[in-house]
C-alpha atoms as a PDB file:
ATOM      1  CA  MET A   1       0.000   0.000   0.000  1.00  0.00           C
ATOM      2  CA  SER A   2       1.370   3.350  -0.996  1.00  0.00           C
ATOM      3  CA  ARG A   3       2.134   6.055   1.557  1.00  0.00           C
ATOM      4  CA  SER A   4      -0.697   8.285   0.277  1.00  0.00           C
ATOM      5  CA  SER A   5      -3.161   5.384   0.545  1.00  0.00           C
ATOM      6  CA  LYS A   6      -2.100   4.764   4.130  1.00  0.00           C
ATOM      7  CA  ILE A   7      -2.609   8.436   4.974  1.00  0.00           C
ATOM      8  CA  SER A   8      -6.039   8.419   3.339  1.00  0.00           C
ATOM      9  CA  LEU A   9      -7.047   5.279   5.216  1.00  0.00           C
ATOM     10  CA  SER A  10      -5.823   6.785   8.487  1.00  0.00           C
ATOM     11  CA  LEU A  11      -7.849   9.928   7.890  1.00  0.00           C
ATOM     12  CA  ILE A  12     -10.929   7.860   7.080  1.00  0.00           C
ATOM     13  CA  LEU A  13     -10.500   5.875  10.300  1.00  0.00           C
ATOM     14  CA  VAL A  14     -10.018   9.056  12.335  1.00  0.00           C
ATOM     15  CA  VAL A  15     -13.111  10.658  10.810  1.00  0.00           C
ATOM     16  CA  ALA A  16     -15.126   7.471  11.323  1.00  0.00           C
ATOM     17  CA  ALA A  17     -13.989   7.264  14.944  1.00  0.00           C
ATOM     18  CA  ALA A  18     -14.828  10.930  15.542  1.00  0.00           C
ATOM     19  CA  LEU A  19     -18.224  10.465  13.932  1.00  0.00           C
ATOM     20  CA  ALA A  20     -18.914   7.364  16.006  1.00  0.00           C
ATOM     21  CA  PHE A  21     -17.890   9.222  19.157  1.00  0.00           C
ATOM     22  CA  ALA A  22     -20.120  12.181  18.247  1.00  0.00           C
ATOM     23  CA  VAL A  23     -23.155   9.983  17.560  1.00  0.00           C
ATOM     24  CA  ASN A  24     -22.565   8.046  20.792  1.00  0.00           C
ATOM     25  CA  TRP A  25     -22.240  11.310  22.754  1.00  0.00           C
ATOM     26  CA  CYS A  26     -25.449  12.631  21.204  1.00  0.00           C
ATOM     27  CA  TRP A  27     -27.231   9.382  22.068  1.00  0.00           C
ATOM     28  CA  GLU A  28     -26.062   9.414  25.668  1.00  0.00           C
ATOM     29  CA  ASN A  29     -27.050  13.080  26.066  1.00  0.00           C
ATOM     30  CA  ARG A  30     -30.203  12.922  23.984  1.00  0.00           C
ATOM     31  CA  GLN A  31     -33.434  14.638  24.954  1.00  0.00           C
ATOM     32  CA  THR A  32     -36.352  12.317  25.704  1.00  0.00           C
ATOM     33  CA  PRO A  33     -39.897  13.021  26.897  1.00  0.00           C
ATOM     34  CA  GLU A  34     -38.717  12.071  30.386  1.00  0.00           C
ATOM     35  CA  THR A  35     -35.700  14.408  30.405  1.00  0.00           C
ATOM     36  CA  ARG A  36     -37.791  17.246  29.006  1.00  0.00           C
ATOM     37  CA  ARG A  37     -40.416  16.755  31.710  1.00  0.00           C
ATOM     38  CA  ALA A  38     -37.716  16.683  34.369  1.00  0.00           C
ATOM     39  CA  ALA A  39     -36.174  19.915  33.041  1.00  0.00           C
ATOM     40  CA  ARG A  40     -39.557  21.620  33.057  1.00  0.00           C
ATOM     41  CA  LYS A  41     -40.338  20.511  36.612  1.00  0.00           C
ATOM     42  CA  GLU A  42     -36.930  21.711  37.769  1.00  0.00           C
ATOM     43  CA  VAL A  43     -37.338  25.135  36.168  1.00  0.00           C
ATOM     44  CA  VAL A  44     -40.923  25.638  37.349  1.00  0.00           C
ATOM     45  CA  LYS A  45     -39.990  24.747  40.933  1.00  0.00           C
ATOM     46  CA  ALA A  46     -36.935  27.018  40.844  1.00  0.00           C
ATOM     47  CA  LEU A  47     -38.998  29.962  39.604  1.00  0.00           C
ATOM     48  CA  ARG A  48     -41.714  29.460  42.208  1.00  0.00           C
ATOM     49  CA  ASP A  49     -39.073  29.251  44.936  1.00  0.00           C
ATOM     50  CA  ALA A  50     -37.273  32.377  43.699  1.00  0.00           C
ATOM     51  CA  GLN A  51     -37.391  35.532  45.813  1.00  0.00           C
ATOM     52  CA  GLY A  52     -39.507  38.321  44.354  1.00  0.00           C
ATOM     53  CA  ASP A  53     -36.540  40.429  43.255  1.00  0.00           C
ATOM     54  CA  GLU A  54     -34.972  37.433  41.478  1.00  0.00           C
ATOM     55  CA  VAL A  55     -37.921  36.468  39.264  1.00  0.00           C
ATOM     56  CA  ALA A  56     -37.332  38.838  36.324  1.00  0.00           C
ATOM     57  CA  ASN A  57     -33.630  37.948  36.162  1.00  0.00           C
ATOM     58  CA  PHE A  58     -34.494  34.255  36.339  1.00  0.00           C
ATOM     59  CA  LEU A  59     -36.868  34.588  33.357  1.00  0.00           C
ATOM     60  CA  THR A  60     -34.306  36.639  31.419  1.00  0.00           C
ATOM     61  CA  ARG A  61     -31.682  33.958  31.985  1.00  0.00           C
ATOM     62  CA  LEU A  62     -34.081  31.218  30.886  1.00  0.00           C
ATOM     63  CA  ALA A  63     -34.846  33.072  27.676  1.00  0.00           C
ATOM     64  CA  SER A  64     -31.266  34.009  26.840  1.00  0.00           C
ATOM     65  CA  GLU A  65     -29.276  30.874  27.682  1.00  0.00           C
ATOM     66  CA  ARG A  66     -28.990  28.372  24.832  1.00  0.00           C
ATOM     67  CA  TYR A  67     -27.911  24.745  25.038  1.00  0.00           C
ATOM     68  CA  PHE A  68     -26.956  22.051  22.533  1.00  0.00           C
ATOM     69  CA  HIS A  69     -29.869  19.622  22.322  1.00  0.00           C
ATOM     70  CA  THR A  70     -30.084  16.301  20.510  1.00  0.00           C
ATOM     71  CA  TRP A  71     -33.020  13.970  20.086  1.00  0.00           C
ATOM     72  CA  PHE A  72     -33.844  10.925  17.982  1.00  0.00           C
ATOM     73  CA  ASP A  73     -37.006   9.709  16.292  1.00  0.00           C
ATOM     74  CA  ASP A  74     -38.031   7.082  13.748  1.00  0.00           C
ATOM     75  CA  LYS A  75     -38.201   9.427  10.754  1.00  0.00           C
ATOM     76  CA  PRO A  76     -35.368  10.863   8.639  1.00  0.00           C
ATOM     77  CA  PRO A  77     -32.996  12.400   9.484  1.00  0.00           C
ATOM     78  CA  TYR A  78     -33.463  10.311  12.672  1.00  0.00           C
ATOM     79  CA  MET A  79     -30.994  12.370  14.707  1.00  0.00           C
ATOM     80  CA  HIS A  80     -31.899  16.026  15.287  1.00  0.00           C
ATOM     81  CA  VAL A  81     -29.743  18.733  16.812  1.00  0.00           C
ATOM     82  CA  ALA A  82     -30.614  22.261  17.875  1.00  0.00           C
ATOM     83  CA  TRP A  83     -29.186  25.186  19.812  1.00  0.00           C
ATOM     84  CA  GLU A  84     -32.112  26.265  21.956  1.00  0.00           C
ATOM     85  CA  THR A  85     -33.360  27.194  25.414  1.00  0.00           C
ATOM     86  CA  LYS A  86     -33.432  24.662  28.245  1.00  0.00           C
ATOM     87  CA  ILE A  87     -37.225  24.526  28.120  1.00  0.00           C
ATOM     88  CA  PRO A  88     -39.584  25.548  25.267  1.00  0.00           C
ATOM     89  CA  LEU A  89     -40.137  29.264  24.696  1.00  0.00           C
ATOM     90  CA  ASP A  90     -43.887  28.818  25.129  1.00  0.00           C
ATOM     91  CA  LEU A  91     -43.348  27.452  28.643  1.00  0.00           C
ATOM     92  CA  ILE A  92     -41.167  30.465  29.474  1.00  0.00           C
ATOM     93  CA  GLY A  93     -44.053  32.656  28.283  1.00  0.00           C
ATOM     94  CA  GLN A  94     -46.452  30.777  30.554  1.00  0.00           C
ATOM     95  CA  LEU A  95     -44.063  31.214  33.484  1.00  0.00           C
ATOM     96  CA  ALA A  96     -43.962  34.952  32.771  1.00  0.00           C
ATOM     97  CA  GLU A  97     -47.784  34.952  32.932  1.00  0.00           C
ATOM     98  CA  GLU A  98     -47.565  33.209  36.293  1.00  0.00           C
ATOM     99  CA  ALA A  99     -45.105  35.873  37.490  1.00  0.00           C
ATOM    100  CA  PHE A 100     -47.548  38.621  36.461  1.00  0.00           C
ATOM    101  CA  LEU A 101     -50.253  37.029  38.587  1.00  0.00           C
ATOM    102  CA  ARG A 102     -47.846  36.547  41.501  1.00  0.00           C
ATOM    103  CA  PHE A 103     -47.144  40.274  41.690  1.00  0.00           C
ATOM    104  CA  ALA A 104     -50.607  41.520  40.699  1.00  0.00           C
ATOM    105  CA  GLY A 105     -51.947  40.709  44.139  1.00  0.00           C
ATOM    106  CA  ASN A 106     -55.703  40.784  44.449  1.00  0.00           C
ATOM    107  CA  GLY A 107     -55.970  43.237  41.582  1.00  0.00           C
ATOM    108  CA  GLU A 108     -54.012  45.822  43.586  1.00  0.00           C
ATOM    109  CA  PRO A 109     -50.257  45.131  43.722  1.00  0.00           C
ATOM    110  CA  ASN A 110     -48.622  46.245  46.949  1.00  0.00           C
ATOM    111  CA  SER A 111     -45.916  48.903  46.880  1.00  0.00           C
ATOM    112  CA  GLU A 112     -42.993  46.468  46.999  1.00  0.00           C
ATOM    113  CA  ASP A 113     -44.389  44.398  44.126  1.00  0.00           C
ATOM    114  CA  VAL A 114     -44.955  47.317  41.728  1.00  0.00           C
ATOM    115  CA  PRO A 115     -41.236  47.541  40.775  1.00  0.00           C
ATOM    116  CA  ARG A 116     -41.195  43.753  40.328  1.00  0.00           C
ATOM    117  CA  LEU A 117     -44.255  43.933  38.107  1.00  0.00           C
ATOM    118  CA  LYS A 118     -42.522  46.587  36.014  1.00  0.00           C
ATOM    119  CA  GLN A 119     -39.503  44.297  35.636  1.00  0.00           C
ATOM    120  CA  ILE A 120     -41.736  41.484  34.386  1.00  0.00           C
ATOM    121  CA  MET A 121     -43.373  43.939  31.974  1.00  0.00           C
ATOM    122  CA  ALA A 122     -39.958  44.894  30.565  1.00  0.00           C
ATOM    123  CA  PHE A 123     -39.111  41.208  30.187  1.00  0.00           C
ATOM    124  CA  ALA A 124     -42.414  40.486  28.415  1.00  0.00           C
ATOM    125  CA  GLU A 125     -41.959  43.382  25.979  1.00  0.00           C
ATOM    126  CA  SER A 126     -38.628  41.925  24.905  1.00  0.00           C
ATOM    127  CA  PHE A 127     -39.695  38.270  25.055  1.00  0.00           C
ATOM    128  CA  LEU A 128     -42.703  38.811  22.772  1.00  0.00           C
ATOM    129  CA  THR A 129     -40.274  39.321  19.870  1.00  0.00           C
ATOM    130  CA  ASN A 130     -39.552  35.562  19.980  1.00  0.00           C
ATOM    131  CA  ARG A 131     -41.335  33.039  17.786  1.00  0.00           C
ATOM    132  CA  LEU A 132     -44.099  31.966  20.169  1.00  0.00           C
ATOM    133  CA  SER A 133     -47.317  30.096  19.523  1.00  0.00           C
ATOM    134  CA  GLU A 134     -50.310  32.325  18.865  1.00  0.00           C
ATOM    135  CA  ASP A 135     -52.012  31.295  22.110  1.00  0.00           C
ATOM    136  CA  THR A 136     -48.959  31.966  24.272  1.00  0.00           C
ATOM    137  CA  SER A 137     -48.197  35.265  22.550  1.00  0.00           C
ATOM    138  CA  ASN A 138     -51.767  36.543  22.896  1.00  0.00           C
ATOM    139  CA  ALA A 139     -52.072  35.438  26.535  1.00  0.00           C
ATOM    140  CA  LEU A 140     -48.785  37.089  27.507  1.00  0.00           C
ATOM    141  CA  ARG A 141     -49.772  40.266  25.687  1.00  0.00           C
ATOM    142  CA  ASP A 142     -53.084  40.290  27.593  1.00  0.00           C
ATOM    143  CA  ARG A 143     -51.221  40.034  30.912  1.00  0.00           C
ATOM    144  CA  LEU A 144     -48.947  42.882  29.833  1.00  0.00           C
ATOM    145  CA  LEU A 145     -52.001  45.011  29.115  1.00  0.00           C
ATOM    146  CA  ASP A 146     -53.440  44.105  32.538  1.00  0.00           C
ATOM    147  CA  ALA A 147     -50.159  45.100  34.177  1.00  0.00           C
ATOM    148  CA  HIS A 148     -50.195  48.545  32.545  1.00  0.00           C
ATOM    149  CA  PHE A 149     -53.664  49.017  34.032  1.00  0.00           C
ATOM    150  CA  LEU A 150     -52.695  47.735  37.481  1.00  0.00           C
ATOM    151  CA  ILE A 151     -49.782  50.151  37.853  1.00  0.00           C
ATOM    152  CA  GLY A 152     -51.900  53.052  36.581  1.00  0.00           C
ATOM    153  CA  ASP A 153     -50.032  53.400  33.282  1.00  0.00           C
ATOM    154  CA  PHE A 154     -53.157  54.132  31.249  1.00  0.00           C
ATOM    155  CA  ASP A 155     -51.201  55.810  28.452  1.00  0.00           C
ATOM    156  CA  GLY A 156     -49.083  52.676  28.053  1.00  0.00           C
ATOM    157  CA  ALA A 157     -52.179  50.473  27.926  1.00  0.00           C
ATOM    158  CA  ILE A 158     -53.877  52.755  25.403  1.00  0.00           C
ATOM    159  CA  ALA A 159     -50.748  52.706  23.223  1.00  0.00           C
ATOM    160  CA  MET A 160     -50.802  48.891  23.236  1.00  0.00           C
ATOM    161  CA  LEU A 161     -54.442  48.827  22.172  1.00  0.00           C
ATOM    162  CA  GLU A 162     -53.943  51.406  19.459  1.00  0.00           C
ATOM    163  CA  ARG A 163     -51.086  49.311  18.020  1.00  0.00           C
ATOM    164  CA  GLY A 164     -53.502  46.391  17.855  1.00  0.00           C
ATOM    165  CA  MET A 165     -54.106  43.382  20.078  1.00  0.00           C
ATOM    166  CA  PRO A 166     -54.005  40.082  18.164  1.00  0.00           C
ATOM    167  CA  GLY A 167     -56.774  37.781  19.273  1.00  0.00           C
ATOM    168  CA  HIS A 168     -59.212  40.605  19.998  1.00  0.00           C
ATOM    169  CA  PRO A 169     -61.669  42.345  17.649  1.00  0.00           C
ATOM    170  CA  GLN A 170     -61.179  46.011  16.841  1.00  0.00           C
ATOM    171  CA  GLU A 171     -64.465  46.922  18.557  1.00  0.00           C
ATOM    172  CA  TRP A 172     -63.177  45.438  21.833  1.00  0.00           C
ATOM    173  CA  ALA A 173     -59.938  47.404  21.571  1.00  0.00           C
ATOM    174  CA  LYS A 174     -61.847  50.626  20.899  1.00  0.00           C
ATOM    175  CA  ALA A 175     -64.167  50.066  23.861  1.00  0.00           C
ATOM    176  CA  THR A 176     -61.269  49.171  26.157  1.00  0.00           C
ATOM    177  CA  VAL A 177     -59.503  52.382  25.159  1.00  0.00           C
ATOM    178  CA  ALA A 178     -62.657  54.218  26.282  1.00  0.00           C
ATOM    179  CA  LYS A 179     -62.542  52.460  29.656  1.00  0.00           C
ATOM    180  CA  LEU A 180     -58.878  53.354  30.097  1.00  0.00           C
ATOM    181  CA  ARG A 181     -59.505  56.985  29.189  1.00  0.00           C
ATOM    182  CA  ALA A 182     -62.216  57.018  31.828  1.00  0.00           C
ATOM    183  CA  HIS A 183     -59.794  55.760  34.478  1.00  0.00           C
ATOM    184  CA  ARG A 184     -57.174  58.259  33.353  1.00  0.00           C
ATOM    185  CA  ALA A 185     -59.725  61.050  33.710  1.00  0.00           C
ATOM    186  CA  MET A 186     -60.576  59.801  37.201  1.00  0.00           C
ATOM    187  CA  ASP A 187     -56.898  60.022  38.127  1.00  0.00           C
ATOM    188  CA  ILE A 188     -56.815  63.620  36.916  1.00  0.00           C
ATOM    189  CA  ALA A 189     -59.924  64.476  38.924  1.00  0.00           C
ATOM    190  CA  ALA A 190     -58.446  62.928  42.073  1.00  0.00           C
ATOM    191  CA  LYS A 191     -55.151  64.808  41.953  1.00  0.00           C
ATOM    192  CA  PRO A 192     -54.758  67.262  44.848  1.00  0.00           C
ATOM    193  CA  GLY A 193     -54.813  70.957  44.023  1.00  0.00           C
ATOM    194  CA  GLN A 194     -57.004  70.726  40.898  1.00  0.00           C
ATOM    195  CA  ASP A 195     -59.392  73.622  40.354  1.00  0.00           C
ATOM    196  CA  ALA A 196     -63.114  72.886  40.305  1.00  0.00           C
ATOM    197  CA  GLU A 197     -63.471  73.337  36.535  1.00  0.00           C
ATOM    198  CA  THR A 198     -60.673  70.851  35.780  1.00  0.00           C
ATOM    199  CA  VAL A 199     -62.207  68.299  38.107  1.00  0.00           C
ATOM    200  CA  LYS A 200     -65.639  68.750  36.558  1.00  0.00           C
ATOM    201  CA  LYS A 201     -64.260  68.422  33.029  1.00  0.00           C
ATOM    202  CA  ALA A 202     -62.343  65.260  33.950  1.00  0.00           C
ATOM    203  CA  LYS A 203     -65.430  63.699  35.534  1.00  0.00           C
ATOM    204  CA  ARG A 204     -67.484  64.471  32.426  1.00  0.00           C
ATOM    205  CA  GLU A 205     -64.844  62.732  30.314  1.00  0.00           C
ATOM    206  CA  ALA A 206     -64.930  59.757  32.670  1.00  0.00           C
ATOM    207  CA  ILE A 207     -68.729  59.560  32.447  1.00  0.00           C
ATOM    208  CA  GLU A 208     -68.669  59.651  28.651  1.00  0.00           C
ATOM    209  CA  ASN A 209     -66.111  56.867  28.410  1.00  0.00           C
ATOM    210  CA  PHE A 210     -67.511  54.624  31.151  1.00  0.00           C
ATOM    211  CA  VAL A 211     -70.913  54.826  29.455  1.00  0.00           C
ATOM    212  CA  ALA A 212     -69.349  54.016  26.075  1.00  0.00           C
ATOM    213  CA  PHE A 213     -67.760  50.907  27.545  1.00  0.00           C
ATOM    214  CA  GLY A 214     -71.012  49.886  29.260  1.00  0.00           C
ATOM    215  CA  GLU A 215     -72.902  50.265  25.986  1.00  0.00           C
ATOM    216  CA  TYR A 216     -70.330  48.144  24.182  1.00  0.00           C
ATOM    217  CA  MET A 217     -70.901  45.347  26.718  1.00  0.00           C
ATOM    218  CA  LEU A 218     -74.586  45.296  25.734  1.00  0.00           C
ATOM    219  CA  THR A 219     -73.900  44.746  22.019  1.00  0.00           C
ATOM    220  CA  PRO A 220     -74.662  41.357  20.415  1.00  0.00           C
ATOM    221  CA  ALA A 221     -70.929  40.605  20.218  1.00  0.00           C
ATOM    222  CA  ASN A 222     -70.946  40.138  24.023  1.00  0.00           C
ATOM    223  CA  LYS A 223     -74.089  38.057  24.436  1.00  0.00           C
ATOM    224  CA  ASP A 224     -71.992  35.090  25.621  1.00  0.00           C
ATOM    225  CA  PHE A 225     -69.429  37.183  27.480  1.00  0.00           C
ATOM    226  CA  GLU A 226     -68.073  35.745  30.703  1.00  0.00           C
ATOM    227  CA  ASP A 227     -64.726  36.897  32.068  1.00  0.00           C
ATOM    228  CA  CYS A 228     -62.819  35.564  35.055  1.00  0.00           C
ATOM    229  CA  ASP A 229     -60.505  38.151  36.580  1.00  0.00           C
ATOM    230  CA  PRO A 230     -57.183  36.259  36.812  1.00  0.00           C
ATOM    231  CA  THR A 231     -56.130  38.198  39.902  1.00  0.00           C
ATOM    232  CA  THR A 232     -59.319  37.687  41.974  1.00  0.00           C
ATOM    233  CA  GLY A 233     -61.135  34.722  40.446  1.00  0.00           C
ATOM    234  CA  VAL A 234     -64.361  36.753  40.208  1.00  0.00           C
ATOM    235  CA  ILE A 235     -66.465  35.876  37.153  1.00  0.00           C
ATOM    236  CA  TYR A 236     -68.133  38.817  35.417  1.00  0.00           C
ATOM    237  CA  SER A 237     -71.126  38.616  33.075  1.00  0.00           C
ATOM    238  CA  PHE A 238     -71.712  41.253  30.409  1.00  0.00           C
ATOM    239  CA  GLU A 239     -74.669  42.550  32.439  1.00  0.00           C
ATOM    240  CA  TRP A 240     -72.530  42.989  35.540  1.00  0.00           C
ATOM    241  CA  VAL A 241     -69.877  44.943  33.633  1.00  0.00           C
ATOM    242  CA  ALA A 242     -72.527  47.184  32.048  1.00  0.00           C
ATOM    243  CA  VAL A 243     -74.229  47.783  35.413  1.00  0.00           C
ATOM    244  CA  LYS A 244     -70.892  48.598  37.054  1.00  0.00           C
ATOM    245  CA  ASN A 245     -70.037  51.203  34.409  1.00  0.00           C
ATOM    246  CA  PHE A 246     -73.485  52.832  34.355  1.00  0.00           C
ATOM    247  CA  LEU A 247     -73.635  53.086  38.163  1.00  0.00           C
ATOM    248  CA  ARG A 248     -70.104  54.424  38.402  1.00  0.00           C
ATOM    249  CA  SER A 249     -71.058  57.075  35.843  1.00  0.00           C
ATOM    250  CA  ALA A 250     -74.244  57.883  37.753  1.00  0.00           C
ATOM    251  CA  VAL A 251     -72.234  58.625  40.900  1.00  0.00           C
ATOM    252  CA  LEU A 252     -69.910  60.929  38.965  1.00  0.00           C
ATOM    253  CA  ALA A 253     -72.837  62.711  37.329  1.00  0.00           C
ATOM    254  CA  ARG A 254     -74.382  63.368  40.731  1.00  0.00           C
ATOM    255  CA  GLU A 255     -71.048  64.694  42.009  1.00  0.00           C
ATOM    256  CA  ILE A 256     -70.935  67.346  39.284  1.00  0.00           C
ATOM    257  CA  GLY A 257     -74.569  68.295  39.855  1.00  0.00           C
ATOM    258  CA  ASP A 258     -76.069  66.593  36.780  1.00  0.00           C
ATOM    259  CA  THR A 259     -78.973  64.939  38.583  1.00  0.00           C
ATOM    260  CA  ALA A 260     -80.930  64.173  35.413  1.00  0.00           C
ATOM    261  CA  LYS A 261     -77.988  62.287  33.922  1.00  0.00           C
ATOM    262  CA  ALA A 262     -77.434  60.449  37.183  1.00  0.00           C
ATOM    263  CA  ASP A 263     -81.079  59.317  37.314  1.00  0.00           C
ATOM    264  CA  GLU A 264     -80.978  58.242  33.652  1.00  0.00           C
ATOM    265  CA  LEU A 265     -77.860  56.130  34.142  1.00  0.00           C
ATOM    266  CA  THR A 266     -79.181  54.566  37.356  1.00  0.00           C
ATOM    267  CA  ALA A 267     -82.371  53.575  35.533  1.00  0.00           C
ATOM    268  CA  ARG A 268     -80.323  52.018  32.720  1.00  0.00           C
ATOM    269  CA  ALA A 269     -78.291  50.035  35.219  1.00  0.00           C
ATOM    270  CA  LYS A 270     -81.365  48.730  37.044  1.00  0.00           C
ATOM    271  CA  LYS A 271     -82.589  47.042  33.843  1.00  0.00           C
ATOM    272  CA  TYR A 272     -79.722  44.561  34.073  1.00  0.00           C
ATOM    273  CA  VAL A 273     -79.150  44.181  37.824  1.00  0.00           C
ATOM    274  CA  GLU A 274     -81.327  41.105  38.356  1.00  0.00           C
ATOM    275  CA  SER A 275     -79.943  39.329  35.313  1.00  0.00           C
ATOM    276  CA  ALA A 276     -76.403  40.065  36.534  1.00  0.00           C
ATOM    277  CA  ARG A 277     -77.324  38.896  40.045  1.00  0.00           C
ATOM    278  CA  LYS A 278     -78.705  35.603  38.717  1.00  0.00           C
ATOM    279  CA  LYS A 279     -75.501  34.842  36.816  1.00  0.00           C
ATOM    280  CA  ALA A 280     -73.294  35.878  39.744  1.00  0.00           C
ATOM    281  CA  LYS A 281     -75.130  33.357  41.975  1.00  0.00           C
ATOM    282  CA  GLU A 282     -73.525  30.542  39.977  1.00  0.00           C
ATOM    283  CA  ASP A 283     -70.235  31.202  41.780  1.00  0.00           C
ATOM    284  CA  LYS A 284     -70.094  31.808  45.536  1.00  0.00           C
ATOM    285  CA  LYS A 285     -67.209  34.285  45.532  1.00  0.00           C
ATOM    286  CA  SER A 286     -68.576  36.209  42.539  1.00  0.00           C
ATOM    287  CA  PHE A 287     -72.003  36.468  44.191  1.00  0.00           C
ATOM    288  CA  GLU A 288     -70.521  37.815  47.421  1.00  0.00           C
ATOM    289  CA  VAL A 289     -68.569  40.457  45.510  1.00  0.00           C
ATOM    290  CA  PHE A 290     -71.617  41.368  43.404  1.00  0.00           C
ATOM    291  CA  GLN A 291     -73.851  41.747  46.459  1.00  0.00           C
ATOM    292  CA  ALA A 292     -71.293  43.918  48.256  1.00  0.00           C
ATOM    293  CA  GLU A 293     -70.835  46.069  45.178  1.00  0.00           C
ATOM    294  CA  MET A 294     -74.570  46.596  44.649  1.00  0.00           C
ATOM    295  CA  LYS A 295     -75.003  47.427  48.330  1.00  0.00           C
ATOM    296  CA  THR A 296     -72.716  50.446  47.903  1.00  0.00           C
ATOM    297  CA  TYR A 297     -75.200  51.748  45.313  1.00  0.00           C
ATOM    298  CA  GLY A 298     -78.262  50.966  47.416  1.00  0.00           C
ATOM    299  CA  LEU A 299     -79.245  48.040  45.198  1.00  0.00           C
END
């Protein structure tokens, strides 16, 4: 055998040995349904055990760290390799949702959790640029919108809605913008040192927008509406939401001396109170909240 042939054979043997070693290494370190489940359980437990100030950094690390993964199946090319996160991106999105709820409190985050909620919001804004499933992306975006509302960032929430919210019809987005403008106006009215005319103008704006949102809830598009507040577990019917907005507006109208408007809105609300009460009775907690809420309005 010539010298060149020997060199070629040696190279072939070296390459074959390296390839065999690589395949064996991939097999021994392969991902299986069991190893994936174990990794998910480990990550979920670690996140739930994390201190409040560590959660956002934990999520950021999960989303940024990439690992070499291999797995095998019975279809060509049989062996698959990828450079990806420890757990699927969709699961990271679901964990971010869980973190939102952890810091949202009972719909009113406490002072120490507000900065943490803002950190999760910043993470979500960045994370949503990843290739997520439609369901995960829409759910995480919904939680981000909720968070803007919870921290009183109505301008931020309105900006999100005006950019468009996948998974929601345009009419819903428009009505929700009205609700947010109403809350923003209420904030203006409540600020210390405002002159009487500014307060009155802000309350009129709030009335207009609360009523617009209440009217939207009574449209045919919401005939099957039922929404569970993820932070409280209270289940709202479309009638309850409409009643809440009309009564809230009635109180504001009375405060600015518009008795006729207040009486009109109270009458509109009363048309739907019993229907809302009947639906609320289907859930003990929701019924208790409904009854307490109506009691404040003398209903």
